[in-house]
Every structure is written in structure tokens, then in C-alpha cells.
PDB file of N, CA and C in Angstrom:
ATOM      1  N   MET A   1      -3.952  19.174  -1.427  1.00  0.00           N
ATOM      2  CA  MET A   1      -3.001  19.934  -2.189  1.00  0.00           C
ATOM      3  C   MET A   1      -3.729  20.882  -3.127  1.00  0.00           C
ATOM      4  N   THR A   2      -4.734  20.388  -3.808  1.00  0.00           N
ATOM      5  CA  THR A   2      -5.520  21.250  -4.687  1.00  0.00           C
ATOM      6  C   THR A   2      -6.991  20.945  -4.478  1.00  0.00           C
ATOM      7  N   THR A   3      -7.823  21.922  -4.829  1.00  0.00           N
ATOM      8  CA  THR A   3      -9.257  21.686  -4.784  1.00  0.00           C
ATOM      9  C   THR A   3      -9.704  21.166  -6.133  1.00  0.00           C
ATOM     10  N   SER A   4     -10.970  20.840  -6.231  1.00  0.00           N
ATOM     11  CA  SER A   4     -11.472  20.304  -7.496  1.00  0.00           C
ATOM     12  C   SER A   4     -11.429  21.342  -8.617  1.00  0.00           C
ATOM     13  N   ALA A   5     -11.447  22.629  -8.276  1.00  0.00           N
ATOM     14  CA  ALA A   5     -11.428  23.664  -9.298  1.00  0.00           C
ATOM     15  C   ALA A   5     -10.013  23.979  -9.779  1.00  0.00           C
ATOM     16  N   GLN A   6      -9.000  23.566  -9.018  1.00  0.00           N
ATOM     17  CA  GLN A   6      -7.625  23.875  -9.384  1.00  0.00           C
ATOM     18  C   GLN A   6      -6.996  22.697 -10.121  1.00  0.00           C
ATOM     19  N   ARG A   7      -5.986  23.007 -10.911  1.00  0.00           N
ATOM     20  CA  ARG A   7      -5.224  21.981 -11.629  1.00  0.00           C
ATOM     21  C   ARG A   7      -3.831  21.909 -11.031  1.00  0.00           C
ATOM     22  N   PHE A   8      -3.187  20.776 -11.251  1.00  0.00           N
ATOM     23  CA  PHE A   8      -1.795  20.675 -10.848  1.00  0.00           C
ATOM     24  C   PHE A   8      -0.957  21.572 -11.752  1.00  0.00           C
ATOM     25  N   THR A   9      -0.069  22.295 -11.143  1.00  0.00           N
ATOM     26  CA  THR A   9       0.782  23.191 -11.920  1.00  0.00           C
ATOM     27  C   THR A   9       2.117  22.513 -12.197  1.00  0.00           C
ATOM     28  N   VAL A  10       2.940  23.195 -12.960  1.00  0.00           N
ATOM     29  CA  VAL A  10       4.269  22.671 -13.290  1.00  0.00           C
ATOM     30  C   VAL A  10       5.088  22.507 -12.009  1.00  0.00           C
ATOM     31  N   GLN A  11       4.924  23.419 -11.064  1.00  0.00           N
ATOM     32  CA  GLN A  11       5.667  23.328  -9.813  1.00  0.00           C
ATOM     33  C   GLN A  11       5.293  22.059  -9.046  1.00  0.00           C
ATOM     34  N   HIS A  12       4.023  21.695  -9.070  1.00  0.00           N
ATOM     35  CA  HIS A  12       3.597  20.453  -8.403  1.00  0.00           C
ATOM     36  C   HIS A  12       4.249  19.240  -9.057  1.00  0.00           C
ATOM     37  N   LEU A  13       4.282  19.237 -10.369  1.00  0.00           N
ATOM     38  CA  LEU A  13       4.882  18.107 -11.080  1.00  0.00           C
ATOM     39  C   LEU A  13       6.377  18.018 -10.816  1.00  0.00           C
ATOM     40  N   ILE A  14       7.055  19.151 -10.791  1.00  0.00           N
ATOM     41  CA  ILE A  14       8.493  19.157 -10.509  1.00  0.00           C
ATOM     42  C   ILE A  14       8.757  18.659  -9.093  1.00  0.00           C
ATOM     43  N   ALA A  15       7.954  19.095  -8.144  1.00  0.00           N
ATOM     44  CA  ALA A  15       8.117  18.644  -6.762  1.00  0.00           C
ATOM     45  C   ALA A  15       7.873  17.143  -6.642  1.00  0.00           C
ATOM     46  N   ALA A  16       6.872  16.628  -7.343  1.00  0.00           N
ATOM     47  CA  ALA A  16       6.584  15.199  -7.297  1.00  0.00           C
ATOM     48  C   ALA A  16       7.714  14.381  -7.904  1.00  0.00           C
ATOM     49  N   VAL A  17       8.264  14.840  -9.011  1.00  0.00           N
ATOM     50  CA  VAL A  17       9.378  14.135  -9.648  1.00  0.00           C
ATOM     51  C   VAL A  17      10.609  14.171  -8.755  1.00  0.00           C
ATOM     52  N   ALA A  18      10.883  15.299  -8.143  1.00  0.00           N
ATOM     53  CA  ALA A  18      12.047  15.411  -7.254  1.00  0.00           C
ATOM     54  C   ALA A  18      11.893  14.494  -6.047  1.00  0.00           C
ATOM     55  N   LEU A  19      10.712  14.468  -5.469  1.00  0.00           N
ATOM     56  CA  LEU A  19      10.466  13.603  -4.315  1.00  0.00           C
ATOM     57  C   LEU A  19      10.579  12.133  -4.691  1.00  0.00           C
ATOM     58  N   ALA A  20      10.011  11.754  -5.818  1.00  0.00           N
ATOM     59  CA  ALA A  20      10.060  10.362  -6.255  1.00  0.00           C
ATOM     60  C   ALA A  20      11.481   9.927  -6.576  1.00  0.00           C
ATOM     61  N   SER A  21      12.250  10.785  -7.231  1.00  0.00           N
ATOM     62  CA  SER A  21      13.619  10.406  -7.577  1.00  0.00           C
ATOM     63  C   SER A  21      14.505  10.331  -6.344  1.00  0.00           C
ATOM     64  N   THR A  22      14.313  11.222  -5.389  1.00  0.00           N
ATOM     65  CA  THR A  22      15.076  11.163  -4.149  1.00  0.00           C
ATOM     66  C   THR A  22      14.751   9.897  -3.371  1.00  0.00           C
ATOM     67  N   ALA A  23      13.477   9.570  -3.260  1.00  0.00           N
ATOM     68  CA  ALA A  23      13.075   8.353  -2.550  1.00  0.00           C
ATOM     69  C   ALA A  23      13.609   7.113  -3.252  1.00  0.00           C
ATOM     70  N   THR A  24      13.599   7.111  -4.568  1.00  0.00           N
ATOM     71  CA  THR A  24      14.132   5.977  -5.321  1.00  0.00           C
ATOM     72  C   THR A  24      15.623   5.815  -5.088  1.00  0.00           C
ATOM     73  N   ALA A  25      16.358   6.909  -5.086  1.00  0.00           N
ATOM     74  CA  ALA A  25      17.802   6.840  -4.856  1.00  0.00           C
ATOM     75  C   ALA A  25      18.108   6.310  -3.460  1.00  0.00           C
ATOM     76  N   VAL A  26      17.372   6.776  -2.465  1.00  0.00           N
ATOM     77  CA  VAL A  26      17.584   6.292  -1.101  1.00  0.00           C
ATOM     78  C   VAL A  26      17.234   4.815  -1.004  1.00  0.00           C
ATOM     79  N   PHE A  27      16.124   4.420  -1.598  1.00  0.00           N
ATOM     80  CA  PHE A  27      15.705   3.025  -1.545  1.00  0.00           C
ATOM     81  C   PHE A  27      16.708   2.115  -2.244  1.00  0.00           C
ATOM     82  N   LEU A  28      17.221   2.537  -3.389  1.00  0.00           N
ATOM     83  CA  LEU A  28      18.185   1.717  -4.116  1.00  0.00           C
ATOM     84  C   LEU A  28      19.487   1.561  -3.348  1.00  0.00           C
ATOM     85  N   SER A  29      19.916   2.599  -2.647  1.00  0.00           N
ATOM     86  CA  SER A  29      21.140   2.466  -1.853  1.00  0.00           C
ATOM     87  C   SER A  29      20.938   1.482  -0.709  1.00  0.00           C
ATOM     88  N   LYS A  30      19.756   1.488  -0.099  1.00  0.00           N
ATOM     89  CA  LYS A  30      19.448   0.514   0.958  1.00  0.00           C
ATOM     90  C   LYS A  30      19.337  -0.885   0.366  1.00  0.00           C
ATOM     91  N   LEU A  31      18.763  -0.988  -0.819  1.00  0.00           N
ATOM     92  CA  LEU A  31      18.587  -2.285  -1.463  1.00  0.00           C
ATOM     93  C   LEU A  31      19.927  -2.891  -1.857  1.00  0.00           C
ATOM     94  N   ASP A  32      20.865  -2.063  -2.303  1.00  0.00           N
ATOM     95  CA  ASP A  32      22.203  -2.556  -2.639  1.00  0.00           C
ATOM     96  C   ASP A  32      22.886  -3.145  -1.411  1.00  0.00           C
ATOM     97  N   GLY A  33      22.768  -2.486  -0.288  1.00  0.00           N
ATOM     98  CA  GLY A  33      23.351  -2.994   0.956  1.00  0.00           C
ATOM     99  C   GLY A  33      22.739  -4.315   1.371  1.00  0.00           C
ATOM    100  N   LEU A  34      21.448  -4.460   1.170  1.00  0.00           N
ATOM    101  CA  LEU A  34      20.773  -5.715   1.510  1.00  0.00           C
ATOM    102  C   LEU A  34      21.181  -6.828   0.556  1.00  0.00           C
ATOM    103  N   ALA A  35      21.315  -6.513  -0.700  1.00  0.00           N
ATOM    104  CA  ALA A  35      21.679  -7.518  -1.699  1.00  0.00           C
ATOM    105  C   ALA A  35      23.078  -8.074  -1.450  1.00  0.00           C
ATOM    106  N   VAL A  36      23.972  -7.249  -0.944  1.00  0.00           N
ATOM    107  CA  VAL A  36      25.327  -7.715  -0.660  1.00  0.00           C
ATOM    108  C   VAL A  36      25.310  -8.723   0.486  1.00  0.00           C
ATOM    109  N   ARG A  37      24.432  -8.506   1.454  1.00  0.00           N
ATOM    110  CA  ARG A  37      24.375  -9.402   2.614  1.00  0.00           C
ATOM    111  C   ARG A  37      23.656 -10.714   2.332  1.00  0.00           C
ATOM    112  N   LEU A  38      22.805 -10.761   1.316  1.00  0.00           N
ATOM    113  CA  LEU A  38      22.080 -11.995   1.011  1.00  0.00           C
ATOM    114  C   LEU A  38      22.997 -13.009   0.335  1.00  0.00           C
ATOM    115  N   SER A  39      22.663 -14.265   0.531  1.00  0.00           N
ATOM    116  CA  SER A  39      23.453 -15.309  -0.112  1.00  0.00           C
ATOM    117  C   SER A  39      23.178 -15.306  -1.619  1.00  0.00           C
ATOM    118  N   PRO A  40      24.118 -15.798  -2.410  1.00  0.00           N
ATOM    119  CA  PRO A  40      23.915 -15.821  -3.871  1.00  0.00           C
ATOM    120  C   PRO A  40      22.701 -16.650  -4.292  1.00  0.00           C
ATOM    121  N   ALA A  41      22.401 -17.715  -3.576  1.00  0.00           N
ATOM    122  CA  ALA A  41      21.244 -18.542  -3.931  1.00  0.00           C
ATOM    123  C   ALA A  41      19.932 -17.765  -3.760  1.00  0.00           C
ATOM    124  N   ILE A  42      19.834 -16.997  -2.680  1.00  0.00           N
ATOM    125  CA  ILE A  42      18.614 -16.209  -2.447  1.00  0.00           C
ATOM    126  C   ILE A  42      18.502 -15.089  -3.481  1.00  0.00           C
ATOM    127  N   ARG A  43      19.634 -14.451  -3.808  1.00  0.00           N
ATOM    128  CA  ARG A  43      19.605 -13.401  -4.829  1.00  0.00           C
ATOM    129  C   ARG A  43      19.168 -13.951  -6.181  1.00  0.00           C
ATOM    130  N   GLN A  44      19.660 -15.135  -6.530  1.00  0.00           N
ATOM    131  CA  GLN A  44      19.298 -15.728  -7.812  1.00  0.00           C
ATOM    132  C   GLN A  44      17.813 -16.099  -7.833  1.00  0.00           C
ATOM    133  N   ALA A  45      17.314 -16.649  -6.723  1.00  0.00           N
ATOM    134  CA  ALA A  45      15.899 -17.017  -6.653  1.00  0.00           C
ATOM    135  C   ALA A  45      15.005 -15.781  -6.776  1.00  0.00           C
ATOM    136  N   CYS A  46      15.383 -14.704  -6.097  1.00  0.00           N
ATOM    137  CA  CYS A  46      14.593 -13.467  -6.177  1.00  0.00           C
ATOM    138  C   CYS A  46      14.637 -12.878  -7.578  1.00  0.00           C
ATOM    139  N   ALA A  47      15.806 -12.966  -8.218  1.00  0.00           N
ATOM    140  CA  ALA A  47      15.933 -12.417  -9.568  1.00  0.00           C
ATOM    141  C   ALA A  47      15.098 -13.213 -10.570  1.00  0.00           C
ATOM    142  N   GLN A  48      14.999 -14.515 -10.386  1.00  0.00           N
ATOM    143  CA  GLN A  48      14.244 -15.346 -11.319  1.00  0.00           C
ATOM    144  C   GLN A  48      12.748 -15.323 -11.041  1.00  0.00           C
ATOM    145  N   TRP A  49      12.380 -15.255  -9.770  1.00  0.00           N
ATOM    146  CA  TRP A  49      10.976 -15.414  -9.395  1.00  0.00           C
ATOM    147  C   TRP A  49      10.311 -14.116  -8.957  1.00  0.00           C
ATOM    148  N   TRP A  50      10.892 -12.939  -9.269  1.00  0.00           N
ATOM    149  CA  TRP A  50      10.308 -11.699  -8.791  1.00  0.00           C
ATOM    150  C   TRP A  50       8.878 -11.455  -9.282  1.00  0.00           C
ATOM    151  N   PRO A  51       8.494 -11.848 -10.497  1.00  0.00           N
ATOM    152  CA  PRO A  51       7.088 -11.603 -10.877  1.00  0.00           C
ATOM    153  C   PRO A  51       6.109 -12.388  -9.999  1.00  0.00           C
ATOM    154  N   LEU A  52       6.449 -13.632  -9.727  1.00  0.00           N
ATOM    155  CA  LEU A  52       5.576 -14.441  -8.872  1.00  0.00           C
ATOM    156  C   LEU A  52       5.549 -13.887  -7.456  1.00  0.00           C
ATOM    157  N   LEU A  53       6.693 -13.471  -6.940  1.00  0.00           N
ATOM    158  CA  LEU A  53       6.742 -12.887  -5.602  1.00  0.00           C
ATOM    159  C   LEU A  53       5.907 -11.613  -5.534  1.00  0.00           C
ATOM    160  N   LEU A  54       5.940 -10.819  -6.577  1.00  0.00           N
ATOM    161  CA  LEU A  54       5.152  -9.589  -6.624  1.00  0.00           C
ATOM    162  C   LEU A  54       3.655  -9.902  -6.645  1.00  0.00           C
ATOM    163  N   ILE A  55       3.269 -10.895  -7.423  1.00  0.00           N
ATOM    164  CA  ILE A  55       1.861 -11.289  -7.493  1.00  0.00           C
ATOM    165  C   ILE A  55       1.395 -11.832  -6.148  1.00  0.00           C
ATOM    166  N   LEU A  56       2.212 -12.661  -5.516  1.00  0.00           N
ATOM    167  CA  LEU A  56       1.849 -13.206  -4.209  1.00  0.00           C
ATOM    168  C   LEU A  56       1.727 -12.111  -3.159  1.00  0.00           C
ATOM    169  N   ALA A  57       2.655 -11.164  -3.157  1.00  0.00           N
ATOM    170  CA  ALA A  57       2.575 -10.061  -2.204  1.00  0.00           C
ATOM    171  C   ALA A  57       1.299  -9.238  -2.430  1.00  0.00           C
ATOM    172  N   GLY A  58       0.956  -8.991  -3.682  1.00  0.00           N
ATOM    173  CA  GLY A  58      -0.281  -8.265  -3.977  1.00  0.00           C
ATOM    174  C   GLY A  58      -1.510  -9.036  -3.534  1.00  0.00           C
ATOM    175  N   GLY A  59      -1.515 -10.349  -3.738  1.00  0.00           N
ATOM    176  CA  GLY A  59      -2.639 -11.178  -3.290  1.00  0.00           C
ATOM    177  C   GLY A  59      -2.785 -11.169  -1.784  1.00  0.00           C
ATOM    178  N   ILE A  60      -1.668 -11.231  -1.081  1.00  0.00           N
ATOM    179  CA  ILE A  60      -1.722 -11.200   0.386  1.00  0.00           C
ATOM    180  C   ILE A  60      -2.248  -9.860   0.873  1.00  0.00           C
ATOM    181  N   LEU A  61      -1.769  -8.774   0.284  1.00  0.00           N
ATOM    182  CA  LEU A  61      -2.270  -7.452   0.668  1.00  0.00           C
ATOM    183  C   LEU A  61      -3.751  -7.307   0.356  1.00  0.00           C
ATOM    184  N   TRP A  62      -4.178  -7.866  -0.762  1.00  0.00           N
ATOM    185  CA  TRP A  62      -5.585  -7.804  -1.135  1.00  0.00           C
ATOM    186  C   TRP A  62      -6.441  -8.569  -0.121  1.00  0.00           C
ATOM    187  N   LEU A  63      -5.993  -9.751   0.291  1.00  0.00           N
ATOM    188  CA  LEU A  63      -6.743 -10.537   1.277  1.00  0.00           C
ATOM    189  C   LEU A  63      -6.805  -9.835   2.632  1.00  0.00           C
ATOM    190  N   ILE A  64      -5.698  -9.221   3.035  1.00  0.00           N
ATOM    191  CA  ILE A  64      -5.691  -8.482   4.300  1.00  0.00           C
ATOM    192  C   ILE A  64      -6.682  -7.323   4.229  1.00  0.00           C
ATOM    193  N   HIS A  65      -6.690  -6.607   3.107  1.00  0.00           N
ATOM    194  CA  HIS A  65      -7.621  -5.488   2.939  1.00  0.00           C
ATOM    195  C   HIS A  65      -9.070  -5.979   2.942  1.00  0.00           C
ATOM    196  N   ALA A  66      -9.330  -7.077   2.251  1.00  0.00           N
ATOM    197  CA  ALA A  66     -10.694  -7.606   2.196  1.00  0.00           C
ATOM    198  C   ALA A  66     -11.165  -8.042   3.576  1.00  0.00           C
ATOM    199  N   LYS A  67     -10.284  -8.662   4.340  1.00  0.00           N
ATOM    200  CA  LYS A  67     -10.650  -9.107   5.683  1.00  0.00           C
ATOM    201  C   LYS A  67     -10.925  -7.911   6.590  1.00  0.00           C
ATOM    202  N   ALA A  68     -10.084  -6.875   6.503  1.00  0.00           N
ATOM    203  CA  ALA A  68     -10.295  -5.683   7.318  1.00  0.00           C
ATOM    204  C   ALA A  68     -11.599  -4.989   6.936  1.00  0.00           C
ATOM    205  N   HIS A  69     -11.889  -4.933   5.631  1.00  0.00           N
ATOM    206  CA  HIS A  69     -13.132  -4.313   5.172  1.00  0.00           C
ATOM    207  C   HIS A  69     -14.334  -5.116   5.645  1.00  0.00           C
ATOM    208  N   LYS A  70     -14.238  -6.434   5.597  1.00  0.00           N
ATOM    209  CA  LYS A  70     -15.338  -7.296   6.032  1.00  0.00           C
ATOM    210  C   LYS A  70     -15.590  -7.127   7.527  1.00  0.00           C
ATOM    211  N   THR A  71     -14.517  -7.045   8.318  1.00  0.00           N
ATOM    212  CA  THR A  71     -14.656  -6.858   9.759  1.00  0.00           C
ATOM    213  C   THR A  71     -15.286  -5.514  10.069  1.00  0.00           C
ATOM    214  N   THR A  72     -14.870  -4.467   9.385  1.00  0.00           N
ATOM    215  CA  THR A  72     -15.426  -3.138   9.599  1.00  0.00           C
ATOM    216  C   THR A  72     -16.897  -3.099   9.199  1.00  0.00           C
ATOM    217  N   ARG A  73     -17.221  -3.714   8.067  1.00  0.00           N
ATOM    218  CA  ARG A  73     -18.603  -3.741   7.607  1.00  0.00           C
ATOM    219  C   ARG A  73     -19.473  -4.528   8.574  1.00  0.00           C
ATOM    220  N   HIS A  74     -18.940  -5.643   9.109  1.00  0.00           N
ATOM    221  CA  HIS A  74     -19.682  -6.457  10.058  1.00  0.00           C
ATOM    222  C   HIS A  74     -19.937  -5.674  11.347  1.00  0.00           C
ATOM    223  N   ALA A  75     -18.934  -4.934  11.817  1.00  0.00           N
ATOM    224  CA  ALA A  75     -19.097  -4.144  13.028  1.00  0.00           C
ATOM    225  C   ALA A  75     -20.123  -3.033  12.815  1.00  0.00           C
ATOM    226  N   THR A  76     -20.126  -2.411  11.640  1.00  0.00           N
ATOM    227  CA  THR A  76     -21.090  -1.354  11.338  1.00  0.00           C
ATOM    228  C   THR A  76     -22.495  -1.927  11.279  1.00  0.00           C
ATOM    229  N   THR A  77     -22.650  -3.090  10.654  1.00  0.00           N
ATOM    230  CA  THR A  77     -23.957  -3.732  10.565  1.00  0.00           C
ATOM    231  C   THR A  77     -24.453  -4.125  11.945  1.00  0.00           C
ATOM    232  N   THR A  78     -23.581  -4.665  12.774  1.00  0.00           N
ATOM    233  CA  THR A  78     -23.962  -5.059  14.127  1.00  0.00           C
ATOM    234  C   THR A  78     -24.412  -3.847  14.927  1.00  0.00           C
ATOM    235  N   MET A  79     -23.708  -2.740  14.801  1.00  0.00           N
ATOM    236  CA  MET A  79     -24.064  -1.522  15.512  1.00  0.00           C
ATOM    237  C   MET A  79     -25.412  -0.999  15.038  1.00  0.00           C
ATOM    238  N   ALA A  80     -25.677  -1.064  13.726  1.00  0.00           N
ATOM    239  CA  ALA A  80     -26.954  -0.594  13.191  1.00  0.00           C
ATOM    240  C   ALA A  80     -28.096  -1.466  13.695  1.00  0.00           C
ATOM    241  N   VAL A  81     -27.893  -2.775  13.754  1.00  0.00           N
ATOM    242  CA  VAL A  81     -28.927  -3.689  14.240  1.00  0.00           C
ATOM    243  C   VAL A  81     -29.202  -3.432  15.708  1.00  0.00           C
ATOM    244  N   MET A  82     -28.146  -3.215  16.498  1.00  0.00           N
ATOM    245  CA  MET A  82     -28.334  -2.952  17.927  1.00  0.00           C
ATOM    246  C   MET A  82     -29.082  -1.642  18.138  1.00  0.00           C
ATOM    247  N   THR A  83     -28.791  -0.634  17.327  1.00  0.00           N
ATOM    248  CA  THR A  83     -29.468   0.652  17.439  1.00  0.00           C
ATOM    249  C   THR A  83     -30.937   0.514  17.074  1.00  0.00           C
ATOM    250  N   GLU A  84     -31.226  -0.248  16.019  1.00  0.00           N
ATOM    251  CA  GLU A  84     -32.616  -0.434  15.600  1.00  0.00           C
ATOM    252  C   GLU A  84     -33.413  -1.226  16.625  1.00  0.00           C
ATOM    253  N   THR A  85     -32.799  -2.219  17.250  1.00  0.00           N
ATOM    254  CA  THR A  85     -33.547  -3.037  18.217  1.00  0.00           C
ATOM    255  C   THR A  85     -33.833  -2.274  19.483  1.00  0.00           C
ATOM    256  N   ARG A  86     -32.983  -1.287  19.836  1.00  0.00           N
ATOM    257  CA  ARG A  86     -33.244  -0.477  21.003  1.00  0.00           C
ATOM    258  C   ARG A  86     -34.238   0.625  20.712  1.00  0.00           C
ATOM    259  N   GLY A  87     -34.409   0.930  19.447  1.00  0.00           N
ATOM    260  CA  GLY A  87     -35.372   1.952  19.072  1.00  0.00           C
ATOM    261  C   GLY A  87     -34.824   3.365  19.191  1.00  0.00           C
ATOM    262  N   GLY A  88     -33.545   3.495  19.358  1.00  0.00           N
ATOM    263  CA  GLY A  88     -32.931   4.817  19.494  1.00  0.00           C
ATOM    264  C   GLY A  88     -32.099   5.156  18.291  1.00  0.00           C
ATOM    265  N   THR A  89     -31.535   6.315  18.368  1.00  0.00           N
ATOM    266  CA  THR A  89     -30.627   6.729  17.304  1.00  0.00           C
ATOM    267  C   THR A  89     -29.230   6.837  17.875  1.00  0.00           C
ATOM    268  N   ALA A  90     -28.257   6.638  17.005  1.00  0.00           N
ATOM    269  CA  ALA A  90     -26.869   6.694  17.479  1.00  0.00           C
ATOM    270  C   ALA A  90     -26.375   8.104  17.569  1.00  0.00           C
TER     271      ALA A  90
END
């Protein structure tokens, strides 16, 4: 969107706010429809335990990211070792 020499202008900020508010409105309308279909017990549990659910979701995403990074790093290391043992360059 911008280079390192450019700054965000007022138009960029207005566009970002408009996009965020539109997405929020759409998401909330979908969320209202889902909340109506859920049982009252599930709604109450989510309302009471949302901080813990948010922390757990973040932890799960963090573990998935760490595992993917570890697998990628392992594959890169394996490729480098194979290249060095053959004496060639990739």
C-alpha cells in the first residue's frame, strides 16, 4: 500500500475505518443469527467463559504455528545437510 518513504494519509485511515466497520456489522449480523440458534445453556457458558475460551483459542493457534515453523525449519535444515553432503549447491 505504501513504501517506507510514504506515510499513511487521511484517505487510508478513512478507508480502513470504513472497511473495519462494514466487516464488523456483517459479522455481528451473522453472530446474532447464530446466537438465536444456540441453546440458552451454551449461550450462558460462552458469555461466562469467553476470556478462557479466547485464551485457549490463542494457545491452540500458537501451538499450530510453532509446529508448522518447526516442520519448515526441520525441512530447511535437512535440505541444507543433503546439499552439503553431496558437495553441490542448491
